[in-house]
Amino acid sequence: MKGLEKLTTKKLSAWVQLAKTQAKGGRVLDRIPQLALADPALFAVHICCESGKTISFGDTGSIFPLMSVIKTFSLLYLLEHLGAETVFGWVGVEPSDAPFNSLEQLISDRSHPRNPMINSGAITLSDKLPGKNANQRTLLFCQWLNQLAGCQLSLDEVMLASVRLTRSKANEAIANYLAQAGHLENIQTALDTYEQICCLSGRVEDLAVLGKLLACENSYLSAQNRQIVNAVMLTCGLYEASAKFAVRIGLPMKSGIAGGLVAIVPGEGAIACYSPALDRVGNPVAGLVFVEALAQELQLSIFG
């Protein structure tokens, strides 16, 4: 029996308690007013295995915007539609040791976004999504994900209005710099698309079934594209903390500032968590504590 299959709800509840205790050291992001309303004590987990077995625990009814977790899937979407050669002409695959919204990093890299998991890379890719405007791009992308994974993502209009109201000056500066270098066709469309796709929202179950697409062989996605996305997640998915957690946990992961976290266990399934309290880097504290405990107990590391 594979590692994830051995899981019982009893064991799960002990790790959840551990994670929730640790979460008290984190804080909910307050830059976006609507995100600031989240209860820092919330914790939800959904695990789906290749066999079809699922385990859920905690506040699983909570709906949250995927925020940066969506970067994983916009990369996958473009790889499937346009191919790796085209996509990696626009963005690199190098890890960054600067914060996810660093303009300095982009300048030192001579306007070539270092990877698709930081904002400069994700804004560049948002500019390339199929569709004539931001609304259509977001709709087509959301429909593709929902059909492919059987999830129920939808655009959270209230969250989007809050994001627009407090639009990140760092993201505007990044977009302007990218446009000056000839990397964006339309600054406003790129930023609007980026903000909309970050506000695609769902429950932990939706995130877990999306993760399962990357974890298990399926007839919808190219195996090579799944490998590429998993590799980029492992090295870049948790921003400048990616290397530390690659060593400690050894799974491809992606986080978002709303508290979403997805971990891919190749060949076995996916683990999705929601916990809004973040560490200084912008990763969810409880989610990482939980996944680390699980990975060590069940020997899930891909390097095992």
C-alpha atoms as a PDB file:
ATOM      1  CA  MET A   1       0.000   0.000   0.000  1.00  0.00           C
ATOM      2  CA  LYS A   2       1.347   3.411  -0.971  1.00  0.00           C
ATOM      3  CA  GLY A   3       2.061   6.103   1.611  1.00  0.00           C
ATOM      4  CA  LEU A   4      -1.042   8.244   1.169  1.00  0.00           C
ATOM      5  CA  GLU A   5      -3.292   5.175   1.115  1.00  0.00           C
ATOM      6  CA  LYS A   6      -2.196   4.292   4.683  1.00  0.00           C
ATOM      7  CA  LEU A   7      -3.726   7.431   6.035  1.00  0.00           C
ATOM      8  CA  THR A   8      -6.454   7.257   8.674  1.00  0.00           C
ATOM      9  CA  THR A   9      -8.687  10.049   9.953  1.00  0.00           C
ATOM     10  CA  LYS A  10      -7.431   9.384  13.487  1.00  0.00           C
ATOM     11  CA  LYS A  11      -3.823  10.138  12.526  1.00  0.00           C
ATOM     12  CA  LEU A  12      -4.972  13.093  10.506  1.00  0.00           C
ATOM     13  CA  SER A  13      -6.686  14.735  13.454  1.00  0.00           C
ATOM     14  CA  ALA A  14      -3.494  14.641  15.576  1.00  0.00           C
ATOM     15  CA  TRP A  15      -1.482  16.343  12.802  1.00  0.00           C
ATOM     16  CA  VAL A  16      -4.221  18.922  12.297  1.00  0.00           C
ATOM     17  CA  GLN A  17      -4.072  19.822  16.004  1.00  0.00           C
ATOM     18  CA  LEU A  18      -0.288  20.187  15.761  1.00  0.00           C
ATOM     19  CA  ALA A  19      -0.643  22.412  12.691  1.00  0.00           C
ATOM     20  CA  LYS A  20      -3.335  24.607  14.268  1.00  0.00           C
ATOM     21  CA  THR A  21      -1.176  25.176  17.362  1.00  0.00           C
ATOM     22  CA  GLN A  22       1.751  26.295  15.174  1.00  0.00           C
ATOM     23  CA  ALA A  23      -0.469  28.613  13.105  1.00  0.00           C
ATOM     24  CA  LYS A  24      -0.682  31.033  16.017  1.00  0.00           C
ATOM     25  CA  GLY A  25       2.747  32.268  14.943  1.00  0.00           C
ATOM     26  CA  GLY A  26       1.418  33.440  11.559  1.00  0.00           C
ATOM     27  CA  ARG A  27      -0.771  36.332  10.495  1.00  0.00           C
ATOM     28  CA  VAL A  28      -3.503  36.866   7.916  1.00  0.00           C
ATOM     29  CA  LEU A  29      -2.544  39.143   5.020  1.00  0.00           C
ATOM     30  CA  ASP A  30      -4.105  42.562   5.601  1.00  0.00           C
ATOM     31  CA  ARG A  31      -3.121  44.457   2.431  1.00  0.00           C
ATOM     32  CA  ILE A  32      -6.286  43.298   0.643  1.00  0.00           C
ATOM     33  CA  PRO A  33      -9.296  44.200   2.853  1.00  0.00           C
ATOM     34  CA  GLN A  34     -11.420  41.212   1.825  1.00  0.00           C
ATOM     35  CA  LEU A  35      -8.570  38.773   2.601  1.00  0.00           C
ATOM     36  CA  ALA A  36      -8.032  40.432   5.985  1.00  0.00           C
ATOM     37  CA  LEU A  37     -11.499  39.218   7.060  1.00  0.00           C
ATOM     38  CA  ALA A  38     -10.396  35.554   7.097  1.00  0.00           C
ATOM     39  CA  ASP A  39     -10.374  33.792  10.480  1.00  0.00           C
ATOM     40  CA  PRO A  40      -6.719  32.866  11.233  1.00  0.00           C
ATOM     41  CA  ALA A  41      -7.890  29.778  13.163  1.00  0.00           C
ATOM     42  CA  LEU A  42      -9.474  28.133  10.107  1.00  0.00           C
ATOM     43  CA  PHE A  43      -7.898  24.903   8.894  1.00  0.00           C
ATOM     44  CA  ALA A  44      -9.103  22.520   6.206  1.00  0.00           C
ATOM     45  CA  VAL A  45      -7.474  19.602   4.443  1.00  0.00           C
ATOM     46  CA  HIS A  46      -8.594  17.375   1.591  1.00  0.00           C
ATOM     47  CA  ILE A  47      -6.517  14.480   0.300  1.00  0.00           C
ATOM     48  CA  CYS A  48      -7.334  12.561  -2.842  1.00  0.00           C
ATOM     49  CA  CYS A  49      -5.528   9.375  -3.798  1.00  0.00           C
ATOM     50  CA  GLU A  50      -5.025   7.786  -7.186  1.00  0.00           C
ATOM     51  CA  SER A  51      -7.304   4.901  -6.129  1.00  0.00           C
ATOM     52  CA  GLY A  52     -10.217   7.284  -5.601  1.00  0.00           C
ATOM     53  CA  LYS A  53      -9.924   7.249  -1.802  1.00  0.00           C
ATOM     54  CA  THR A  54     -10.426  10.703  -0.258  1.00  0.00           C
ATOM     55  CA  ILE A  55     -10.052  12.062   3.262  1.00  0.00           C
ATOM     56  CA  SER A  56     -11.317  15.456   4.420  1.00  0.00           C
ATOM     57  CA  PHE A  57     -10.928  17.176   7.750  1.00  0.00           C
ATOM     58  CA  GLY A  58     -11.614  20.554   9.328  1.00  0.00           C
ATOM     59  CA  ASP A  59     -13.306  23.629   7.874  1.00  0.00           C
ATOM     60  CA  THR A  60     -13.803  22.089   4.438  1.00  0.00           C
ATOM     61  CA  GLY A  61     -16.806  24.290   3.590  1.00  0.00           C
ATOM     62  CA  SER A  62     -14.587  27.387   3.532  1.00  0.00           C
ATOM     63  CA  ILE A  63     -14.330  29.061   0.131  1.00  0.00           C
ATOM     64  CA  PHE A  64     -11.135  30.969  -0.604  1.00  0.00           C
ATOM     65  CA  PRO A  65      -9.427  32.562  -3.624  1.00  0.00           C
ATOM     66  CA  LEU A  66      -6.543  30.506  -4.989  1.00  0.00           C
ATOM     67  CA  MET A  67      -4.369  33.614  -5.390  1.00  0.00           C
ATOM     68  CA  SER A  68      -0.836  32.486  -6.325  1.00  0.00           C
ATOM     69  CA  VAL A  69      -1.745  28.788  -6.317  1.00  0.00           C
ATOM     70  CA  ILE A  70      -3.350  29.497  -9.702  1.00  0.00           C
ATOM     71  CA  LYS A  71       0.098  30.234 -11.185  1.00  0.00           C
ATOM     72  CA  THR A  72       0.742  26.488 -11.266  1.00  0.00           C
ATOM     73  CA  PHE A  73      -2.302  25.933 -13.425  1.00  0.00           C
ATOM     74  CA  SER A  74      -1.871  28.928 -15.748  1.00  0.00           C
ATOM     75  CA  LEU A  75       1.586  27.498 -16.500  1.00  0.00           C
ATOM     76  CA  LEU A  76       0.045  24.079 -17.174  1.00  0.00           C
ATOM     77  CA  TYR A  77      -2.682  25.638 -19.349  1.00  0.00           C
ATOM     78  CA  LEU A  78      -0.178  27.472 -21.554  1.00  0.00           C
ATOM     79  CA  LEU A  79       2.141  24.461 -21.817  1.00  0.00           C
ATOM     80  CA  GLU A  80      -0.809  22.387 -23.019  1.00  0.00           C
ATOM     81  CA  HIS A  81      -2.009  25.041 -25.477  1.00  0.00           C
ATOM     82  CA  LEU A  82       1.244  26.527 -26.764  1.00  0.00           C
ATOM     83  CA  GLY A  83       4.096  24.142 -25.855  1.00  0.00           C
ATOM     84  CA  ALA A  84       7.171  24.396 -23.637  1.00  0.00           C
ATOM     85  CA  GLU A  85       9.429  26.049 -26.203  1.00  0.00           C
ATOM     86  CA  THR A  86       7.069  29.007 -26.599  1.00  0.00           C
ATOM     87  CA  VAL A  87       6.288  29.358 -22.870  1.00  0.00           C
ATOM     88  CA  PHE A  88       9.936  29.245 -21.797  1.00  0.00           C
ATOM     89  CA  GLY A  89      10.766  31.884 -24.374  1.00  0.00           C
ATOM     90  CA  TRP A  90       8.736  34.220 -22.150  1.00  0.00           C
ATOM     91  CA  VAL A  91       9.761  33.080 -18.643  1.00  0.00           C
ATOM     92  CA  GLY A  92      12.633  31.155 -17.088  1.00  0.00           C
ATOM     93  CA  VAL A  93      12.725  28.311 -14.572  1.00  0.00           C
ATOM     94  CA  GLU A  94      15.338  29.696 -12.164  1.00  0.00           C
ATOM     95  CA  PRO A  95      14.493  29.893  -8.445  1.00  0.00           C
ATOM     96  CA  SER A  96      14.460  33.387  -6.934  1.00  0.00           C
ATOM     97  CA  ASP A  97      15.804  34.331  -3.520  1.00  0.00           C
ATOM     98  CA  ALA A  98      13.909  37.659  -3.582  1.00  0.00           C
ATOM     99  CA  PRO A  99      10.266  38.208  -2.531  1.00  0.00           C
ATOM    100  CA  PHE A 100       7.589  37.133  -5.025  1.00  0.00           C
ATOM    101  CA  ASN A 101       6.777  40.733  -6.025  1.00  0.00           C
ATOM    102  CA  SER A 102      10.352  41.992  -6.390  1.00  0.00           C
ATOM    103  CA  LEU A 103      10.986  44.551  -9.126  1.00  0.00           C
ATOM    104  CA  GLU A 104      14.706  44.524  -8.252  1.00  0.00           C
ATOM    105  CA  GLN A 105      14.904  40.845  -9.191  1.00  0.00           C
ATOM    106  CA  LEU A 106      13.342  41.582 -12.584  1.00  0.00           C
ATOM    107  CA  ILE A 107      15.714  44.494 -13.204  1.00  0.00           C
ATOM    108  CA  SER A 108      18.791  42.435 -12.276  1.00  0.00           C
ATOM    109  CA  ASP A 109      17.536  39.702 -14.637  1.00  0.00           C
ATOM    110  CA  ARG A 110      17.317  42.292 -17.447  1.00  0.00           C
ATOM    111  CA  SER A 111      13.522  42.125 -17.648  1.00  0.00           C
ATOM    112  CA  HIS A 112      13.348  38.348 -18.227  1.00  0.00           C
ATOM    113  CA  PRO A 113      11.045  36.924 -15.523  1.00  0.00           C
ATOM    114  CA  ARG A 114      12.958  34.351 -13.534  1.00  0.00           C
ATOM    115  CA  ASN A 115      10.120  31.809 -13.189  1.00  0.00           C
ATOM    116  CA  PRO A 116       6.324  31.528 -13.604  1.00  0.00           C
ATOM    117  CA  MET A 117       5.657  31.261  -9.842  1.00  0.00           C
ATOM    118  CA  ILE A 118       6.677  34.840  -9.002  1.00  0.00           C
ATOM    119  CA  ASN A 119       4.557  37.830  -9.987  1.00  0.00           C
ATOM    120  CA  SER A 120       6.705  39.021 -12.906  1.00  0.00           C
ATOM    121  CA  GLY A 121       6.446  35.577 -14.520  1.00  0.00           C
ATOM    122  CA  ALA A 122       2.756  35.151 -13.759  1.00  0.00           C
ATOM    123  CA  ILE A 123       1.851  38.614 -15.103  1.00  0.00           C
ATOM    124  CA  THR A 124       3.818  37.867 -18.288  1.00  0.00           C
ATOM    125  CA  LEU A 125       1.924  34.592 -18.747  1.00  0.00           C
ATOM    126  CA  SER A 126      -1.423  36.282 -17.975  1.00  0.00           C
ATOM    127  CA  ASP A 127      -0.727  38.499 -20.997  1.00  0.00           C
ATOM    128  CA  LYS A 128      -0.484  35.356 -23.163  1.00  0.00           C
ATOM    129  CA  LEU A 129      -3.644  33.503 -22.085  1.00  0.00           C
ATOM    130  CA  PRO A 130      -6.065  32.754 -24.943  1.00  0.00           C
ATOM    131  CA  GLY A 131      -8.984  35.200 -25.198  1.00  0.00           C
ATOM    132  CA  LYS A 132      -9.647  38.709 -26.465  1.00  0.00           C
ATOM    133  CA  ASN A 133      -9.896  40.424 -23.074  1.00  0.00           C
ATOM    134  CA  ALA A 134      -9.354  39.691 -19.376  1.00  0.00           C
ATOM    135  CA  ASN A 135     -12.931  38.511 -18.745  1.00  0.00           C
ATOM    136  CA  GLN A 136     -12.888  36.059 -21.636  1.00  0.00           C
ATOM    137  CA  ARG A 137      -9.407  34.782 -20.742  1.00  0.00           C
ATOM    138  CA  THR A 138     -10.455  34.131 -17.156  1.00  0.00           C
ATOM    139  CA  LEU A 139     -13.684  32.419 -18.203  1.00  0.00           C
ATOM    140  CA  LEU A 140     -11.990  30.119 -20.745  1.00  0.00           C
ATOM    141  CA  PHE A 141      -9.260  29.205 -18.256  1.00  0.00           C
ATOM    142  CA  CYS A 142     -11.753  28.542 -15.447  1.00  0.00           C
ATOM    143  CA  GLN A 143     -13.928  26.375 -17.719  1.00  0.00           C
ATOM    144  CA  TRP A 144     -10.871  24.374 -18.812  1.00  0.00           C
ATOM    145  CA  LEU A 145      -9.861  23.655 -15.215  1.00  0.00           C
ATOM    146  CA  ASN A 146     -13.391  22.749 -14.116  1.00  0.00           C
ATOM    147  CA  GLN A 147     -13.916  20.375 -17.039  1.00  0.00           C
ATOM    148  CA  LEU A 148     -10.512  18.777 -16.705  1.00  0.00           C
ATOM    149  CA  ALA A 149     -10.503  18.218 -12.928  1.00  0.00           C
ATOM    150  CA  GLY A 150     -14.225  18.077 -12.200  1.00  0.00           C
ATOM    151  CA  CYS A 151     -13.830  20.957  -9.761  1.00  0.00           C
ATOM    152  CA  GLN A 152     -16.125  23.944  -9.232  1.00  0.00           C
ATOM    153  CA  LEU A 153     -13.992  27.056  -9.311  1.00  0.00           C
ATOM    154  CA  SER A 154     -15.703  30.392  -9.853  1.00  0.00           C
ATOM    155  CA  LEU A 155     -14.657  34.033  -9.916  1.00  0.00           C
ATOM    156  CA  ASP A 156     -15.147  35.758  -6.544  1.00  0.00           C
ATOM    157  CA  GLU A 157     -16.358  39.207  -7.664  1.00  0.00           C
ATOM    158  CA  VAL A 158     -16.250  40.668  -4.144  1.00  0.00           C
ATOM    159  CA  MET A 159     -12.623  39.592  -3.702  1.00  0.00           C
ATOM    160  CA  LEU A 160     -11.761  40.931  -7.162  1.00  0.00           C
ATOM    161  CA  ALA A 161     -13.281  44.332  -6.305  1.00  0.00           C
ATOM    162  CA  SER A 162     -11.175  44.398  -3.119  1.00  0.00           C
ATOM    163  CA  VAL A 163      -8.008  43.479  -5.050  1.00  0.00           C
ATOM    164  CA  ARG A 164      -8.704  46.212  -7.622  1.00  0.00           C
ATOM    165  CA  LEU A 165      -9.358  48.772  -4.895  1.00  0.00           C
ATOM    166  CA  THR A 166      -5.941  48.128  -3.366  1.00  0.00           C
ATOM    167  CA  ARG A 167      -4.063  47.244  -6.556  1.00  0.00           C
ATOM    168  CA  SER A 168      -0.475  46.355  -5.727  1.00  0.00           C
ATOM    169  CA  LYS A 169       1.936  49.151  -6.609  1.00  0.00           C
ATOM    170  CA  ALA A 170       4.666  46.500  -6.918  1.00  0.00           C
ATOM    171  CA  ASN A 171       2.644  44.635  -9.560  1.00  0.00           C
ATOM    172  CA  GLU A 172       2.004  47.871 -11.484  1.00  0.00           C
ATOM    173  CA  ALA A 173       5.724  48.672 -11.439  1.00  0.00           C
ATOM    174  CA  ILE A 174       6.558  45.136 -12.616  1.00  0.00           C
ATOM    175  CA  ALA A 175       4.003  45.353 -15.447  1.00  0.00           C
ATOM    176  CA  ASN A 176       5.291  48.760 -16.566  1.00  0.00           C
ATOM    177  CA  TYR A 177       8.853  47.494 -16.610  1.00  0.00           C
ATOM    178  CA  LEU A 178       7.853  44.352 -18.564  1.00  0.00           C
ATOM    179  CA  ALA A 179       5.949  46.495 -21.083  1.00  0.00           C
ATOM    180  CA  GLN A 180       8.904  48.847 -21.588  1.00  0.00           C
ATOM    181  CA  ALA A 181      11.041  45.806 -22.360  1.00  0.00           C
ATOM    182  CA  GLY A 182       8.486  44.625 -24.929  1.00  0.00           C
ATOM    183  CA  HIS A 183       7.284  41.598 -22.921  1.00  0.00           C
ATOM    184  CA  LEU A 184       3.632  42.634 -22.560  1.00  0.00           C
ATOM    185  CA  GLU A 185       1.212  43.469 -25.348  1.00  0.00           C
ATOM    186  CA  ASN A 186      -1.187  45.332 -23.066  1.00  0.00           C
ATOM    187  CA  ILE A 187      -0.381  46.366 -19.480  1.00  0.00           C
ATOM    188  CA  GLN A 188      -3.991  46.764 -18.344  1.00  0.00           C
ATOM    189  CA  THR A 189      -5.161  43.480 -19.900  1.00  0.00           C
ATOM    190  CA  ALA A 190      -2.218  41.620 -18.378  1.00  0.00           C
ATOM    191  CA  LEU A 191      -2.818  43.039 -14.875  1.00  0.00           C
ATOM    192  CA  ASP A 192      -6.598  42.625 -15.092  1.00  0.00           C
ATOM    193  CA  THR A 193      -6.236  39.009 -16.243  1.00  0.00           C
ATOM    194  CA  TYR A 194      -3.709  38.316 -13.487  1.00  0.00           C
ATOM    195  CA  GLU A 195      -5.977  39.784 -10.791  1.00  0.00           C
ATOM    196  CA  GLN A 196      -9.014  37.906 -12.094  1.00  0.00           C
ATOM    197  CA  ILE A 197      -7.356  34.483 -12.246  1.00  0.00           C
ATOM    198  CA  CYS A 198      -5.957  34.991  -8.721  1.00  0.00           C
ATOM    199  CA  CYS A 199      -9.564  35.521  -7.547  1.00  0.00           C
ATOM    200  CA  LEU A 200     -10.767  32.172  -8.914  1.00  0.00           C
ATOM    201  CA  SER A 201     -12.110  30.562  -5.756  1.00  0.00           C
ATOM    202  CA  GLY A 202     -13.138  27.192  -4.419  1.00  0.00           C
ATOM    203  CA  ARG A 203     -12.860  24.786  -1.512  1.00  0.00           C
ATOM    204  CA  VAL A 204      -9.945  22.557  -0.514  1.00  0.00           C
ATOM    205  CA  GLU A 205     -11.574  19.686  -2.377  1.00  0.00           C
ATOM    206  CA  ASP A 206     -11.417  21.694  -5.618  1.00  0.00           C
ATOM    207  CA  LEU A 207      -7.736  22.381  -5.055  1.00  0.00           C
ATOM    208  CA  ALA A 208      -7.013  18.724  -4.269  1.00  0.00           C
ATOM    209  CA  VAL A 209      -8.626  17.416  -7.470  1.00  0.00           C
ATOM    210  CA  LEU A 210      -6.655  20.009  -9.454  1.00  0.00           C
ATOM    211  CA  GLY A 211      -3.504  18.734  -7.764  1.00  0.00           C
ATOM    212  CA  LYS A 212      -4.427  15.167  -8.608  1.00  0.00           C
ATOM    213  CA  LEU A 213      -4.219  16.088 -12.323  1.00  0.00           C
ATOM    214  CA  LEU A 214      -0.512  16.778 -11.770  1.00  0.00           C
ATOM    215  CA  ALA A 215       0.051  13.773  -9.498  1.00  0.00           C
ATOM    216  CA  CYS A 216      -1.434  10.929 -11.516  1.00  0.00           C
ATOM    217  CA  GLU A 217      -1.199   9.828 -15.120  1.00  0.00           C
ATOM    218  CA  ASN A 218      -4.278  10.758 -17.091  1.00  0.00           C
ATOM    219  CA  SER A 219      -5.374  10.892 -20.690  1.00  0.00           C
ATOM    220  CA  TYR A 220      -5.972  14.664 -20.685  1.00  0.00           C
ATOM    221  CA  LEU A 221      -2.492  16.026 -20.020  1.00  0.00           C
ATOM    222  CA  SER A 222       0.911  15.406 -21.533  1.00  0.00           C
ATOM    223  CA  ALA A 223       3.171  13.517 -19.106  1.00  0.00           C
ATOM    224  CA  GLN A 224       6.026  15.844 -20.014  1.00  0.00           C
ATOM    225  CA  ASN A 225       4.018  18.957 -19.136  1.00  0.00           C
ATOM    226  CA  ARG A 226       3.033  17.446 -15.786  1.00  0.00           C
ATOM    227  CA  GLN A 227       6.715  16.750 -15.076  1.00  0.00           C
ATOM    228  CA  ILE A 228       7.709  20.302 -16.008  1.00  0.00           C
ATOM    229  CA  VAL A 229       5.064  21.872 -13.759  1.00  0.00           C
ATOM    230  CA  ASN A 230       5.950  19.609 -10.817  1.00  0.00           C
ATOM    231  CA  ALA A 231       9.657  20.427 -11.185  1.00  0.00           C
ATOM    232  CA  VAL A 232       8.994  24.183 -11.269  1.00  0.00           C
ATOM    233  CA  MET A 233       6.724  23.849  -8.208  1.00  0.00           C
ATOM    234  CA  LEU A 234       9.428  21.981  -6.290  1.00  0.00           C
ATOM    235  CA  THR A 235      12.105  24.601  -6.951  1.00  0.00           C
ATOM    236  CA  CYS A 236       9.991  27.789  -7.070  1.00  0.00           C
ATOM    237  CA  GLY A 237       6.497  27.145  -5.628  1.00  0.00           C
ATOM    238  CA  LEU A 238       7.129  28.440  -2.104  1.00  0.00           C
ATOM    239  CA  TYR A 239       9.053  31.556  -3.183  1.00  0.00           C
ATOM    240  CA  GLU A 240      12.412  32.036  -1.479  1.00  0.00           C
ATOM    241  CA  ALA A 241      11.608  29.220   1.001  1.00  0.00           C
ATOM    242  CA  SER A 242      11.309  26.652  -1.835  1.00  0.00           C
ATOM    243  CA  ALA A 243      14.759  25.084  -1.362  1.00  0.00           C
ATOM    244  CA  LYS A 244      14.309  24.743   2.395  1.00  0.00           C
ATOM    245  CA  PHE A 245      11.036  22.854   2.000  1.00  0.00           C
ATOM    246  CA  ALA A 246      12.323  20.768  -0.921  1.00  0.00           C
ATOM    247  CA  VAL A 247      14.852  19.425   1.601  1.00  0.00           C
ATOM    248  CA  ARG A 248      12.454  19.152   4.547  1.00  0.00           C
ATOM    249  CA  ILE A 249       9.385  17.813   2.716  1.00  0.00           C
ATOM    250  CA  GLY A 250      10.517  16.792  -0.770  1.00  0.00           C
ATOM    251  CA  LEU A 251       7.237  17.359  -2.628  1.00  0.00           C
ATOM    252  CA  PRO A 252       6.233  19.805  -5.380  1.00  0.00           C
ATOM    253  CA  MET A 253       4.096  22.462  -3.648  1.00  0.00           C
ATOM    254  CA  LYS A 254       2.460  25.804  -4.365  1.00  0.00           C
ATOM    255  CA  SER A 255       1.091  28.318  -1.898  1.00  0.00           C
ATOM    256  CA  GLY A 256      -1.087  31.425  -2.124  1.00  0.00           C
ATOM    257  CA  ILE A 257      -1.484  34.482   0.116  1.00  0.00           C
ATOM    258  CA  ALA A 258      -5.107  33.584   0.922  1.00  0.00           C
ATOM    259  CA  GLY A 259      -3.804  30.466   2.705  1.00  0.00           C
ATOM    260  CA  GLY A 260      -4.201  27.812   0.032  1.00  0.00           C
ATOM    261  CA  LEU A 261      -1.516  25.149  -0.352  1.00  0.00           C
ATOM    262  CA  VAL A 262      -1.343  22.159  -2.676  1.00  0.00           C
ATOM    263  CA  ALA A 263       1.246  19.391  -2.417  1.00  0.00           C
ATOM    264  CA  ILE A 264       1.723  16.840  -5.196  1.00  0.00           C
ATOM    265  CA  VAL A 265       2.669  13.248  -4.360  1.00  0.00           C
ATOM    266  CA  PRO A 266       3.593  11.905  -7.824  1.00  0.00           C
ATOM    267  CA  GLY A 267       1.921   8.606  -8.638  1.00  0.00           C
ATOM    268  CA  GLU A 268      -0.132   8.729  -5.422  1.00  0.00           C
ATOM    269  CA  GLY A 269      -2.356  11.798  -5.203  1.00  0.00           C
ATOM    270  CA  ALA A 270      -2.554  15.330  -3.853  1.00  0.00           C
ATOM    271  CA  ILE A 271      -2.886  17.094  -0.511  1.00  0.00           C
ATOM    272  CA  ALA A 272      -4.677  20.451  -0.351  1.00  0.00           C
ATOM    273  CA  CYS A 273      -4.816  22.654   2.736  1.00  0.00           C
ATOM    274  CA  TYR A 274      -6.399  25.956   3.628  1.00  0.00           C
ATOM    275  CA  SER A 275      -5.035  27.979   6.542  1.00  0.00           C
ATOM    276  CA  PRO A 276      -5.045  31.794   6.251  1.00  0.00           C
ATOM    277  CA  ALA A 277      -2.271  32.629   8.745  1.00  0.00           C
ATOM    278  CA  LEU A 278       0.985  33.201   6.814  1.00  0.00           C
ATOM    279  CA  ASP A 279       4.681  33.289   7.667  1.00  0.00           C
ATOM    280  CA  ARG A 280       6.970  36.196   6.703  1.00  0.00           C
ATOM    281  CA  VAL A 281       7.611  34.804   3.222  1.00  0.00           C
ATOM    282  CA  GLY A 282       3.873  34.549   2.478  1.00  0.00           C
ATOM    283  CA  ASN A 283       3.405  30.791   2.920  1.00  0.00           C
ATOM    284  CA  PRO A 284       0.622  29.295   5.112  1.00  0.00           C
ATOM    285  CA  VAL A 285       2.081  28.237   8.467  1.00  0.00           C
ATOM    286  CA  ALA A 286      -0.365  25.471   9.434  1.00  0.00           C
ATOM    287  CA  GLY A 287      -0.506  23.987   5.936  1.00  0.00           C
ATOM    288  CA  LEU A 288       3.264  23.553   5.806  1.00  0.00           C
ATOM    289  CA  VAL A 289       3.487  22.124   9.338  1.00  0.00           C
ATOM    290  CA  PHE A 290       0.748  19.645   8.440  1.00  0.00           C
ATOM    291  CA  VAL A 291       2.240  18.557   5.102  1.00  0.00           C
ATOM    292  CA  GLU A 292       5.685  18.180   6.676  1.00  0.00           C
ATOM    293  CA  ALA A 293       4.336  15.934   9.468  1.00  0.00           C
ATOM    294  CA  LEU A 294       2.405  13.866   6.921  1.00  0.00           C
ATOM    295  CA  ALA A 295       5.333  13.552   4.505  1.00  0.00           C
ATOM    296  CA  GLN A 296       7.732  12.417   7.207  1.00  0.00           C
ATOM    297  CA  GLU A 297       5.346   9.933   8.807  1.00  0.00           C
ATOM    298  CA  LEU A 298       4.255   8.384   5.485  1.00  0.00           C
ATOM    299  CA  GLN A 299       7.688   8.777   3.785  1.00  0.00           C
ATOM    300  CA  LEU A 300       6.191  10.712   0.891  1.00  0.00           C
ATOM    301  CA  SER A 301       9.328  12.585  -0.259  1.00  0.00           C
ATOM    302  CA  ILE A 302      10.036  12.034  -3.949  1.00  0.00           C
ATOM    303  CA  PHE A 303      13.678  11.547  -2.956  1.00  0.00           C
ATOM    304  CA  GLY A 304      12.910   8.536  -0.759  1.00  0.00           C
END
